[in-house]
Protein backbone atom coordinates (compact mmCIF):
# COMPACT_ATOMS: atom_id res chain seq x y z
CA MET A 1 45.42 7.98 -30.56
CA ILE A 2 45.01 11.76 -30.26
CA LYS A 3 48.46 12.07 -28.66
CA LYS A 4 50.01 10.23 -31.60
CA HIS A 5 48.38 12.54 -34.16
CA PHE A 6 49.30 15.60 -32.11
CA ALA A 7 52.96 14.47 -31.91
CA VAL A 8 53.11 13.90 -35.68
CA LEU A 9 51.47 17.27 -36.34
CA LEU A 10 53.85 19.06 -33.96
CA ALA A 11 56.89 17.38 -35.48
CA SER A 12 55.80 18.32 -39.00
CA TRP A 13 55.20 21.95 -37.96
CA ILE A 14 58.66 22.21 -36.40
CA GLY A 15 60.24 20.63 -39.48
CA ALA A 16 58.40 23.00 -41.83
CA ALA A 17 59.31 26.03 -39.70
CA SER A 18 62.99 25.10 -39.73
CA LEU A 19 62.96 24.94 -43.53
CA VAL A 20 60.96 28.12 -44.10
CA LEU A 21 62.37 30.53 -41.51
CA PRO A 22 65.77 32.05 -42.30
CA VAL A 23 68.74 31.35 -40.10
CA VAL A 24 70.05 34.47 -38.37
CA ALA A 25 73.81 34.71 -38.20
CA SER A 26 74.95 35.73 -34.75
CA ALA A 27 78.63 36.12 -35.45
CA GLN A 28 80.25 38.83 -37.50
CA SER A 29 81.67 37.72 -40.83
CA ASN A 30 85.41 37.51 -41.40
CA THR A 31 85.47 40.50 -43.75
CA ASP A 32 83.65 42.69 -41.20
CA THR A 33 86.15 41.67 -38.53
CA GLU A 34 89.05 42.50 -40.85
CA LYS A 35 87.54 45.90 -41.69
CA THR A 36 87.10 46.64 -37.99
CA ARG A 37 90.68 45.59 -37.26
CA ALA A 38 92.00 47.84 -40.05
CA ARG A 39 89.90 50.77 -38.81
CA VAL A 40 91.16 50.28 -35.23
CA GLN A 41 94.76 50.25 -36.44
CA THR A 42 94.18 53.45 -38.42
CA LEU A 43 92.54 55.22 -35.49
CA SER A 44 95.16 54.00 -33.01
CA ALA A 45 97.93 55.78 -34.95
CA SER A 46 97.15 59.00 -33.09
CA ARG A 47 97.11 58.04 -29.42
CA ASP A 48 95.49 61.28 -28.24
CA GLN A 49 92.38 60.88 -30.37
CA GLU A 50 89.14 59.79 -28.72
CA VAL A 51 87.07 57.17 -30.52
CA GLU A 52 83.49 55.98 -30.19
CA VAL A 53 82.80 52.24 -30.35
CA LYS A 54 79.28 51.06 -31.18
CA PHE A 55 78.74 47.44 -30.24
CA ARG A 56 76.50 44.91 -31.96
CA ASP A 57 74.03 45.18 -29.05
CA LYS A 58 73.71 48.95 -29.82
CA THR A 59 75.60 50.14 -26.72
CA LYS A 60 78.30 52.78 -27.11
CA LEU A 61 81.63 53.39 -25.42
CA LYS A 62 84.05 56.31 -25.77
CA GLY A 63 87.75 56.37 -25.01
CA GLN A 64 91.27 56.15 -26.39
CA ILE A 65 92.79 53.08 -27.98
CA THR A 66 95.80 52.11 -25.87
CA LYS A 67 96.67 48.65 -27.15
CA VAL A 68 96.00 46.78 -30.41
CA GLU A 69 96.23 42.98 -30.51
CA PRO A 70 95.42 40.41 -33.24
CA VAL A 71 91.95 39.52 -31.88
CA SER A 72 91.13 42.49 -29.64
CA PHE A 73 92.04 46.02 -28.64
CA THR A 74 92.07 47.91 -25.36
CA LEU A 75 90.04 51.08 -24.86
CA ARG A 76 90.68 53.43 -21.92
CA ASP A 77 87.88 55.68 -20.70
CA GLU A 78 89.19 59.22 -20.14
CA LYS A 79 86.74 60.10 -17.37
CA THR A 80 87.18 57.03 -15.19
CA GLY A 81 90.61 55.86 -16.35
CA LYS A 82 89.23 52.33 -16.62
CA SER A 83 90.54 50.10 -19.43
CA GLN A 84 88.45 47.52 -21.24
CA THR A 85 89.53 44.85 -23.72
CA ILE A 86 87.17 44.59 -26.69
CA ALA A 87 87.09 41.80 -29.28
CA TYR A 88 86.80 42.88 -32.92
CA SER A 89 83.82 40.55 -33.38
CA GLU A 90 81.82 42.53 -30.75
CA VAL A 91 82.19 45.83 -32.64
CA ASP A 92 79.54 47.04 -35.07
CA ARG A 93 81.18 50.38 -35.89
CA ILE A 94 84.13 52.44 -34.66
CA SER A 95 84.69 56.09 -35.49
CA LYS A 96 86.34 59.29 -34.30
CA SER A 97 84.52 60.87 -31.43
CA GLY A 98 83.46 64.48 -31.64
CA GLY A 99 83.41 66.67 -34.68
CA ILE A 100 80.37 67.28 -36.79
CA SER A 101 78.35 64.35 -38.09
CA THR A 102 77.22 63.93 -41.68
CA LYS A 103 73.66 64.71 -40.65
CA SER A 104 74.81 68.04 -39.19
CA TRP A 105 76.64 68.90 -42.41
CA TRP A 106 73.46 68.24 -44.39
CA ILE A 107 71.49 70.53 -42.09
CA ILE A 108 74.09 73.32 -42.30
CA GLY A 109 74.23 72.99 -46.10
CA SER A 110 70.45 73.09 -46.40
CA VAL A 111 70.22 76.23 -44.26
CA ALA A 112 72.96 77.91 -46.32
CA ALA A 113 71.25 76.97 -49.61
CA GLY A 114 67.95 78.27 -48.27
CA ALA A 115 69.54 81.56 -47.23
CA VAL A 116 71.17 82.06 -50.63
CA THR A 117 67.95 81.18 -52.46
CA THR A 118 65.93 83.52 -50.25
CA TRP A 119 68.44 86.32 -50.83
CA LEU A 120 68.27 85.83 -54.60
CA ILE A 121 64.45 85.80 -54.63
CA VAL A 122 63.54 88.27 -51.87
CA LYS A 123 66.10 90.99 -52.59
CA PRO A 124 64.84 91.73 -56.12
CA ALA A 125 61.27 91.83 -54.83
CA PHE A 126 62.10 94.37 -52.12
CA CYS A 127 64.57 96.43 -54.11
CA ASP A 128 62.22 97.04 -57.04
CA GLY A 129 64.78 96.21 -59.68
CA GLY A 130 67.55 98.17 -57.96
CA ALA A 131 65.69 101.49 -57.86
CA GLN A 132 65.76 101.74 -54.05
CA THR A 133 68.89 102.45 -52.03
CA ARG A 134 67.55 101.85 -48.50
CA GLY A 135 67.62 98.71 -46.33
CA ILE A 136 69.03 95.58 -47.90
CA CYS A 137 69.31 97.08 -51.37
């Protein structure tokens, strides 16, 4: 009797959980795959450029795109010379390797704005309205 009630209770809990909990999509959508394919084709135009591929499992790989196919592309690692075929659906993001990131540009811009602001505020305080001719005045 207890086993029967337990089985009914367990079945109802599983049924309720399947209705309430959201389904997580494991595959990349078609539009994301198309965007990745277009980005790979754009980056593969210059063969000497190194790219960084970030996979859906958060791992990264750097190299040059050597071959572009309809469902995958081939990436060659410069250091080891090893080639790897990568499916578009495995890629989360692909970008140029090297250069300065957006975060770095924000930091550089903030430092420059702070320097200009400090110069505009501190100089008049030290120069006494332009009366002094020593130092930064």
